[in-house]
Amino acid sequence: MHFGIALGSNLGDRAENIRRGIALLLERVPSIKLNASAPVYETEPVDCAPGTQAFLNTVIEIEAGLSPHELHMHLKAVEATLGRPEQRERNSPRTLDLDLLYADTVVSEDPELILPHPRLHMRRFVLQPLADIRPGLILPGRTQTVAELLAELSD
């Protein structure tokens, strides 16, 4: 199964947090194959407290013989390893945020894991790097490609 994962960091050595996050994920699940990695973008925080440091954001696509829920557990474990508390305020600063964006054509309404990510199509900091690696991707429930969704964003 192919998975898209967004990575973001705005605490500490942001670039190193992203590098370590990818490395830890690949170590945790040796069967994962990294298919694509987008450039890293520095972006202004969205819906965060005033004075929040800018984020570094990117997207990777992996291939793994896991269920989306199994991968989600690994993503949460990597976040915790890099110091992200499980209980936290929404949109609080973070050493590393890992969001599962899509899992092939899987659609999930499970409150623990909604797929595709419910706000993906509204976020330039996700769509831009995703368009860099998968511009022609059409997500489940959408009719436009990732590149078309990105072109329609007004901000």
N, C-alpha and C. Protein backbone atom coordinates (compact mmCIF):
# COMPACT_ATOMS: atom_id res chain seq x y z
N MET A 1 0.84 -1.17 0.00
CA MET A 1 0.00 0.00 0.00
C MET A 1 0.89 1.24 0.00
N HIS A 2 0.46 2.28 -0.71
CA HIS A 2 1.18 3.55 -0.77
C HIS A 2 0.54 4.53 0.21
N PHE A 3 1.41 5.21 0.96
CA PHE A 3 0.95 6.15 1.97
C PHE A 3 1.63 7.50 1.75
N GLY A 4 0.88 8.57 1.92
CA GLY A 4 1.45 9.91 1.94
C GLY A 4 1.50 10.39 3.37
N ILE A 5 2.64 10.94 3.76
CA ILE A 5 2.84 11.40 5.14
C ILE A 5 3.37 12.83 5.10
N ALA A 6 2.69 13.73 5.83
CA ALA A 6 3.16 15.10 5.98
C ALA A 6 4.00 15.17 7.24
N LEU A 7 5.12 15.90 7.16
CA LEU A 7 6.00 16.11 8.31
C LEU A 7 6.13 17.62 8.54
N GLY A 8 6.04 18.02 9.80
CA GLY A 8 6.20 19.42 10.14
C GLY A 8 6.89 19.57 11.48
N SER A 9 7.71 20.61 11.60
CA SER A 9 8.43 20.87 12.85
C SER A 9 8.59 22.37 13.03
N ASN A 10 8.39 22.84 14.28
CA ASN A 10 8.67 24.25 14.57
C ASN A 10 9.33 24.44 15.93
N LEU A 11 9.95 23.41 16.47
CA LEU A 11 10.70 23.51 17.72
C LEU A 11 12.08 22.90 17.54
N GLY A 12 13.08 23.55 18.13
CA GLY A 12 14.43 22.99 18.09
C GLY A 12 15.03 23.06 16.70
N ASP A 13 15.86 22.07 16.39
CA ASP A 13 16.49 21.98 15.07
C ASP A 13 15.46 21.35 14.13
N ARG A 14 14.68 22.19 13.51
CA ARG A 14 13.53 21.73 12.71
C ARG A 14 13.93 20.77 11.59
N ALA A 15 14.99 21.09 10.87
CA ALA A 15 15.42 20.22 9.77
C ALA A 15 15.88 18.86 10.30
N GLU A 16 16.62 18.89 11.39
CA GLU A 16 17.09 17.63 11.99
C GLU A 16 15.92 16.81 12.51
N ASN A 17 14.91 17.47 13.07
CA ASN A 17 13.73 16.74 13.54
C ASN A 17 13.05 16.00 12.40
N ILE A 18 12.96 16.63 11.24
CA ILE A 18 12.35 15.98 10.08
C ILE A 18 13.22 14.82 9.61
N ARG A 19 14.53 15.05 9.52
CA ARG A 19 15.44 13.97 9.10
C ARG A 19 15.35 12.78 10.06
N ARG A 20 15.40 13.08 11.36
CA ARG A 20 15.33 12.01 12.36
C ARG A 20 13.99 11.29 12.32
N GLY A 21 12.93 12.02 12.09
CA GLY A 21 11.61 11.41 12.02
C GLY A 21 11.52 10.38 10.90
N ILE A 22 12.04 10.74 9.74
CA ILE A 22 12.02 9.81 8.60
C ILE A 22 12.91 8.61 8.92
N ALA A 23 14.10 8.86 9.46
CA ALA A 23 15.02 7.77 9.78
C ALA A 23 14.41 6.83 10.83
N LEU A 24 13.80 7.39 11.86
CA LEU A 24 13.19 6.55 12.90
C LEU A 24 12.05 5.70 12.34
N LEU A 25 11.26 6.27 11.45
CA LEU A 25 10.16 5.51 10.85
C LEU A 25 10.72 4.35 10.02
N LEU A 26 11.77 4.61 9.24
CA LEU A 26 12.38 3.56 8.43
C LEU A 26 13.02 2.48 9.31
N GLU A 27 13.56 2.88 10.47
CA GLU A 27 14.14 1.90 11.40
C GLU A 27 13.07 1.06 12.08
N ARG A 28 11.96 1.70 12.47
CA ARG A 28 10.88 1.00 13.18
C ARG A 28 10.24 -0.07 12.32
N VAL A 29 10.12 0.21 11.04
CA VAL A 29 9.43 -0.70 10.12
C VAL A 29 10.37 -0.97 8.94
N PRO A 30 11.27 -1.94 9.09
CA PRO A 30 12.28 -2.19 8.04
C PRO A 30 11.70 -2.49 6.66
N SER A 31 10.44 -2.93 6.60
CA SER A 31 9.86 -3.27 5.30
C SER A 31 9.37 -2.03 4.54
N ILE A 32 9.43 -0.86 5.15
CA ILE A 32 8.98 0.36 4.48
C ILE A 32 9.97 0.73 3.37
N LYS A 33 9.40 1.13 2.24
CA LYS A 33 10.20 1.63 1.12
C LYS A 33 9.85 3.10 0.93
N LEU A 34 10.85 3.96 0.96
CA LEU A 34 10.65 5.39 0.72
C LEU A 34 10.60 5.60 -0.79
N ASN A 35 9.43 5.96 -1.30
CA ASN A 35 9.25 6.14 -2.75
C ASN A 35 9.58 7.54 -3.22
N ALA A 36 9.26 8.55 -2.41
CA ALA A 36 9.46 9.94 -2.84
C ALA A 36 9.56 10.84 -1.62
N SER A 37 10.33 11.91 -1.78
CA SER A 37 10.51 12.89 -0.72
C SER A 37 10.49 14.27 -1.35
N ALA A 38 9.59 15.12 -0.88
CA ALA A 38 9.45 16.47 -1.44
C ALA A 38 10.49 17.41 -0.84
N PRO A 39 10.70 18.55 -1.47
CA PRO A 39 11.54 19.59 -0.86
C PRO A 39 10.91 20.03 0.47
N VAL A 40 11.73 20.64 1.31
CA VAL A 40 11.27 21.17 2.59
C VAL A 40 10.95 22.65 2.40
N TYR A 41 9.81 23.08 2.93
CA TYR A 41 9.37 24.47 2.83
C TYR A 41 9.29 25.08 4.22
N GLU A 42 9.67 26.34 4.33
CA GLU A 42 9.44 27.07 5.57
C GLU A 42 8.12 27.81 5.41
N THR A 43 7.22 27.61 6.38
CA THR A 43 5.87 28.17 6.27
C THR A 43 5.47 28.85 7.56
N GLU A 44 4.61 29.83 7.42
CA GLU A 44 4.07 30.52 8.58
C GLU A 44 3.08 29.59 9.29
N PRO A 45 3.01 29.67 10.62
CA PRO A 45 2.08 28.82 11.36
C PRO A 45 0.62 29.16 11.01
N VAL A 46 -0.22 28.14 10.98
CA VAL A 46 -1.64 28.30 10.69
C VAL A 46 -2.43 27.94 11.95
N ASP A 47 -3.32 28.86 12.37
CA ASP A 47 -4.18 28.63 13.54
C ASP A 47 -3.38 28.35 14.81
N CYS A 48 -2.22 28.99 14.96
CA CYS A 48 -1.37 28.82 16.13
C CYS A 48 -1.36 30.12 16.94
N ALA A 49 -0.87 30.03 18.16
CA ALA A 49 -0.79 31.20 19.03
C ALA A 49 0.15 32.24 18.43
N PRO A 50 -0.11 33.53 18.71
CA PRO A 50 0.80 34.59 18.23
C PRO A 50 2.22 34.33 18.72
N GLY A 51 3.19 34.62 17.85
CA GLY A 51 4.59 34.44 18.21
C GLY A 51 5.11 33.03 17.97
N THR A 52 4.28 32.14 17.45
CA THR A 52 4.71 30.78 17.17
C THR A 52 5.75 30.80 16.04
N GLN A 53 6.84 30.05 16.23
CA GLN A 53 7.91 29.99 15.22
C GLN A 53 7.41 29.36 13.93
N ALA A 54 7.99 29.76 12.82
CA ALA A 54 7.65 29.20 11.51
C ALA A 54 7.94 27.70 11.49
N PHE A 55 7.23 27.00 10.65
CA PHE A 55 7.39 25.55 10.49
C PHE A 55 8.29 25.24 9.31
N LEU A 56 8.91 24.08 9.37
CA LEU A 56 9.44 23.43 8.18
C LEU A 56 8.47 22.30 7.89
N ASN A 57 8.06 22.19 6.61
CA ASN A 57 7.10 21.18 6.20
C ASN A 57 7.58 20.45 4.96
N THR A 58 7.25 19.18 4.88
CA THR A 58 7.50 18.39 3.69
C THR A 58 6.51 17.23 3.65
N VAL A 59 6.57 16.46 2.59
CA VAL A 59 5.74 15.28 2.42
C VAL A 59 6.62 14.17 1.86
N ILE A 60 6.39 12.96 2.36
CA ILE A 60 7.03 11.78 1.79
C ILE A 60 5.94 10.81 1.36
N GLU A 61 6.30 9.94 0.42
CA GLU A 61 5.42 8.83 0.09
C GLU A 61 6.20 7.55 0.33
N ILE A 62 5.56 6.64 1.06
CA ILE A 62 6.18 5.36 1.36
C ILE A 62 5.30 4.24 0.84
N GLU A 63 5.91 3.07 0.77
CA GLU A 63 5.19 1.85 0.43
C GLU A 63 5.45 0.86 1.56
N ALA A 64 4.39 0.26 2.08
CA ALA A 64 4.54 -0.67 3.20
C ALA A 64 3.38 -1.65 3.23
N GLY A 65 3.66 -2.84 3.74
CA GLY A 65 2.64 -3.86 3.90
C GLY A 65 1.97 -3.75 5.25
N LEU A 66 1.48 -2.56 5.57
CA LEU A 66 0.81 -2.30 6.83
C LEU A 66 -0.60 -1.79 6.57
N SER A 67 -1.45 -1.90 7.56
CA SER A 67 -2.75 -1.24 7.48
C SER A 67 -2.54 0.23 7.82
N PRO A 68 -3.45 1.09 7.42
CA PRO A 68 -3.33 2.50 7.80
C PRO A 68 -3.26 2.68 9.32
N HIS A 69 -4.03 1.91 10.07
CA HIS A 69 -4.00 2.05 11.53
C HIS A 69 -2.66 1.61 12.12
N GLU A 70 -2.07 0.56 11.55
CA GLU A 70 -0.75 0.13 12.02
C GLU A 70 0.29 1.22 11.76
N LEU A 71 0.26 1.79 10.57
CA LEU A 71 1.21 2.86 10.26
C LEU A 71 0.98 4.06 11.18
N HIS A 72 -0.27 4.41 11.41
CA HIS A 72 -0.60 5.52 12.29
C HIS A 72 0.01 5.32 13.68
N MET A 73 -0.03 4.10 14.20
CA MET A 73 0.58 3.80 15.50
C MET A 73 2.09 4.07 15.46
N HIS A 74 2.73 3.68 14.37
CA HIS A 74 4.17 3.93 14.23
C HIS A 74 4.47 5.43 14.15
N LEU A 75 3.63 6.17 13.45
CA LEU A 75 3.83 7.62 13.35
C LEU A 75 3.74 8.28 14.72
N LYS A 76 2.75 7.87 15.51
CA LYS A 76 2.59 8.43 16.86
C LYS A 76 3.78 8.06 17.74
N ALA A 77 4.31 6.86 17.58
CA ALA A 77 5.48 6.43 18.37
C ALA A 77 6.71 7.26 18.00
N VAL A 78 6.90 7.57 16.72
CA VAL A 78 8.03 8.39 16.29
C VAL A 78 7.89 9.80 16.86
N GLU A 79 6.68 10.36 16.80
CA GLU A 79 6.45 11.68 17.39
C GLU A 79 6.84 11.69 18.88
N ALA A 80 6.40 10.66 19.60
CA ALA A 80 6.70 10.57 21.03
C ALA A 80 8.20 10.45 21.28
N THR A 81 8.87 9.65 20.46
CA THR A 81 10.32 9.48 20.59
C THR A 81 11.05 10.82 20.46
N LEU A 82 10.52 11.68 19.60
CA LEU A 82 11.14 12.99 19.38
C LEU A 82 10.57 14.06 20.30
N GLY A 83 9.85 13.64 21.35
CA GLY A 83 9.46 14.57 22.40
C GLY A 83 8.10 15.21 22.29
N ARG A 84 7.25 14.73 21.40
CA ARG A 84 5.91 15.32 21.31
C ARG A 84 4.99 14.63 22.31
N PRO A 85 4.44 15.39 23.27
CA PRO A 85 3.56 14.77 24.26
C PRO A 85 2.25 14.31 23.63
N GLU A 86 1.71 13.21 24.15
CA GLU A 86 0.45 12.69 23.61
C GLU A 86 -0.70 13.64 23.92
N GLN A 87 -0.72 14.17 25.13
CA GLN A 87 -1.75 15.15 25.51
C GLN A 87 -1.17 16.54 25.29
N ARG A 88 -1.80 17.33 24.42
CA ARG A 88 -1.29 18.64 24.10
C ARG A 88 -2.43 19.50 23.57
N GLU A 89 -2.21 20.81 23.60
CA GLU A 89 -3.19 21.72 23.04
C GLU A 89 -3.15 21.62 21.52
N ARG A 90 -4.32 21.80 20.90
CA ARG A 90 -4.41 21.77 19.44
C ARG A 90 -3.53 22.88 18.86
N ASN A 91 -2.79 22.56 17.83
CA ASN A 91 -1.92 23.50 17.11
C ASN A 91 -0.81 24.09 17.98
N SER A 92 -0.40 23.35 19.00
CA SER A 92 0.70 23.81 19.84
C SER A 92 2.03 23.55 19.12
N PRO A 93 3.10 24.29 19.49
CA PRO A 93 4.40 24.03 18.87
C PRO A 93 4.81 22.57 19.05
N ARG A 94 5.58 22.05 18.11
CA ARG A 94 5.95 20.63 18.17
C ARG A 94 7.30 20.37 17.55
N THR A 95 8.00 19.41 18.13
CA THR A 95 9.27 18.99 17.55
C THR A 95 9.02 18.29 16.22
N LEU A 96 7.96 17.48 16.19
CA LEU A 96 7.63 16.80 14.94
C LEU A 96 6.16 16.42 14.93
N ASP A 97 5.52 16.72 13.82
CA ASP A 97 4.13 16.35 13.58
C ASP A 97 4.14 15.46 12.35
N LEU A 98 3.57 14.28 12.48
CA LEU A 98 3.47 13.34 11.37
C LEU A 98 1.99 13.07 11.11
N ASP A 99 1.52 13.43 9.94
CA ASP A 99 0.11 13.22 9.59
C ASP A 99 0.02 12.28 8.40
N LEU A 100 -0.78 11.24 8.57
CA LEU A 100 -1.06 10.33 7.46
C LEU A 100 -2.08 11.03 6.56
N LEU A 101 -1.69 11.29 5.32
CA LEU A 101 -2.52 12.04 4.38
C LEU A 101 -3.46 11.13 3.59
N TYR A 102 -2.92 10.03 3.12
CA TYR A 102 -3.71 9.09 2.32
C TYR A 102 -3.08 7.71 2.40
N ALA A 103 -3.88 6.73 2.07
CA ALA A 103 -3.44 5.33 2.01
C ALA A 103 -4.12 4.72 0.78
N ASP A 104 -3.46 4.85 -0.36
CA ASP A 104 -4.04 4.42 -1.64
C ASP A 104 -5.46 4.97 -1.76
N THR A 105 -6.43 4.10 -1.95
CA THR A 105 -7.82 4.55 -2.13
C THR A 105 -8.66 4.36 -0.87
N VAL A 106 -8.02 4.12 0.26
CA VAL A 106 -8.75 3.89 1.51
C VAL A 106 -9.46 5.17 1.96
N VAL A 107 -10.72 4.99 2.35
CA VAL A 107 -11.50 6.06 2.96
C VAL A 107 -11.85 5.58 4.36
N SER A 108 -11.55 6.40 5.36
CA SER A 108 -11.83 6.04 6.75
C SER A 108 -12.47 7.22 7.47
N GLU A 109 -13.56 6.95 8.16
CA GLU A 109 -14.23 7.96 8.98
C GLU A 109 -13.98 7.70 10.46
N ASP A 110 -13.09 6.78 10.77
CA ASP A 110 -12.74 6.46 12.15
C ASP A 110 -12.20 7.72 12.83
N PRO A 111 -12.76 8.11 13.99
CA PRO A 111 -12.28 9.33 14.66
C PRO A 111 -10.78 9.29 14.98
N GLU A 112 -10.20 8.09 15.12
CA GLU A 112 -8.77 7.96 15.37
C GLU A 112 -7.94 8.21 14.12
N LEU A 113 -8.53 7.97 12.95
CA LEU A 113 -7.78 8.11 11.71
C LEU A 113 -8.75 8.35 10.54
N ILE A 114 -8.90 9.62 10.17
CA ILE A 114 -9.76 9.98 9.05
C ILE A 114 -8.88 10.04 7.80
N LEU A 115 -9.28 9.31 6.78
CA LEU A 115 -8.54 9.28 5.51
C LEU A 115 -9.48 9.50 4.33
N PRO A 116 -9.01 10.23 3.31
CA PRO A 116 -7.82 11.05 3.33
C PRO A 116 -7.93 12.13 4.42
N HIS A 117 -6.79 12.74 4.75
CA HIS A 117 -6.75 13.75 5.80
C HIS A 117 -7.81 14.81 5.49
N PRO A 118 -8.66 15.14 6.47
CA PRO A 118 -9.83 15.99 6.18
C PRO A 118 -9.52 17.44 5.78
N ARG A 119 -8.35 17.97 6.10
CA ARG A 119 -8.04 19.36 5.75
C ARG A 119 -6.92 19.47 4.72
N LEU A 120 -6.47 18.36 4.21
CA LEU A 120 -5.36 18.33 3.25
C LEU A 120 -5.60 19.28 2.09
N HIS A 121 -6.79 19.30 1.52
CA HIS A 121 -7.08 20.09 0.33
C HIS A 121 -7.12 21.60 0.58
N MET A 122 -7.06 22.01 1.86
CA MET A 122 -7.12 23.44 2.21
C MET A 122 -5.78 23.99 2.66
N ARG A 123 -4.75 23.17 2.69
CA ARG A 123 -3.49 23.58 3.30
C ARG A 123 -2.34 23.60 2.30
N ARG A 124 -1.91 24.81 1.98
CA ARG A 124 -0.80 24.97 1.04
C ARG A 124 0.46 24.28 1.55
N PHE A 125 0.69 24.32 2.88
CA PHE A 125 1.91 23.72 3.43
C PHE A 125 1.93 22.21 3.28
N VAL A 126 0.80 21.61 2.93
CA VAL A 126 0.74 20.18 2.62
C VAL A 126 0.64 19.97 1.11
N LEU A 127 -0.23 20.73 0.47
CA LEU A 127 -0.44 20.54 -0.97
C LEU A 127 0.80 20.86 -1.81
N GLN A 128 1.56 21.91 -1.43
CA GLN A 128 2.73 22.27 -2.24
C GLN A 128 3.75 21.13 -2.29
N PRO A 129 4.21 20.61 -1.13
CA PRO A 129 5.17 19.51 -1.23
C PRO A 129 4.55 18.24 -1.83
N LEU A 130 3.27 18.00 -1.57
CA LEU A 130 2.63 16.83 -2.18
C LEU A 130 2.58 16.97 -3.70
N ALA A 131 2.29 18.18 -4.17
CA ALA A 131 2.26 18.42 -5.62
C ALA A 131 3.64 18.26 -6.25
N ASP A 132 4.69 18.49 -5.45
CA ASP A 132 6.04 18.30 -5.97
C ASP A 132 6.33 16.84 -6.28
N ILE A 133 5.73 15.93 -5.53
CA ILE A 133 6.02 14.50 -5.75
C ILE A 133 4.87 13.74 -6.41
N ARG A 134 3.63 14.22 -6.27
CA ARG A 134 2.47 13.52 -6.85
C ARG A 134 1.45 14.50 -7.43
N PRO A 135 1.83 15.34 -8.41
CA PRO A 135 0.91 16.36 -8.91
C PRO A 135 -0.37 15.80 -9.53
N GLY A 136 -0.30 14.62 -10.09
CA GLY A 136 -1.46 14.03 -10.75
C GLY A 136 -2.34 13.17 -9.85
N LEU A 137 -1.98 13.07 -8.59
CA LEU A 137 -2.74 12.23 -7.66
C LEU A 137 -4.15 12.80 -7.46
N ILE A 138 -5.14 11.93 -7.57
CA ILE A 138 -6.52 12.29 -7.24
C ILE A 138 -6.87 11.49 -5.99
N LEU A 139 -7.14 12.22 -4.92
CA LEU A 139 -7.45 11.59 -3.64
C LEU A 139 -8.87 11.04 -3.63
N PRO A 140 -9.12 9.99 -2.87
CA PRO A 140 -10.48 9.46 -2.77
C PRO A 140 -11.46 10.57 -2.36
N GLY A 141 -12.59 10.60 -3.05
CA GLY A 141 -13.62 11.60 -2.76
C GLY A 141 -13.41 12.92 -3.47
N ARG A 142 -12.34 13.05 -4.24
CA ARG A 142 -12.04 14.28 -4.98
C ARG A 142 -12.09 13.99 -6.48
N THR A 143 -12.28 15.04 -7.25
CA THR A 143 -12.26 14.88 -8.71
C THR A 143 -11.07 15.61 -9.33
N GLN A 144 -10.41 16.46 -8.54
CA GLN A 144 -9.28 17.23 -9.05
C GLN A 144 -7.97 16.62 -8.58
N THR A 145 -6.93 16.85 -9.36
CA THR A 145 -5.60 16.39 -8.98
C THR A 145 -5.07 17.28 -7.85
N VAL A 146 -4.02 16.82 -7.21
CA VAL A 146 -3.37 17.61 -6.17
C VAL A 146 -2.89 18.94 -6.75
N ALA A 147 -2.33 18.94 -7.95
CA ALA A 147 -1.87 20.18 -8.58
C ALA A 147 -3.04 21.14 -8.81
N GLU A 148 -4.19 20.62 -9.21
CA GLU A 148 -5.36 21.48 -9.43
C GLU A 148 -5.88 22.04 -8.11
N LEU A 149 -5.89 21.22 -7.06
CA LEU A 149 -6.31 21.72 -5.74
C LEU A 149 -5.38 22.84 -5.27
N LEU A 150 -4.08 22.65 -5.48
CA LEU A 150 -3.10 23.66 -5.09
C LEU A 150 -3.34 24.96 -5.86
N ALA A 151 -3.58 24.86 -7.15
CA ALA A 151 -3.78 26.05 -7.99
C ALA A 151 -5.02 26.85 -7.57
N GLU A 152 -5.98 26.18 -6.96
CA GLU A 152 -7.22 26.85 -6.55
C GLU A 152 -7.12 27.55 -5.21
N LEU A 153 -6.07 27.27 -4.42
CA LEU A 153 -5.94 27.93 -3.12
C LEU A 153 -5.74 29.43 -3.30
N SER A 154 -6.42 30.21 -2.48
CA SER A 154 -6.33 31.66 -2.62
C SER A 154 -5.23 32.27 -1.78
N ASP A 155 -4.83 31.59 -0.70
CA ASP A 155 -3.80 32.19 0.18
C ASP A 155 -2.41 31.79 -0.21
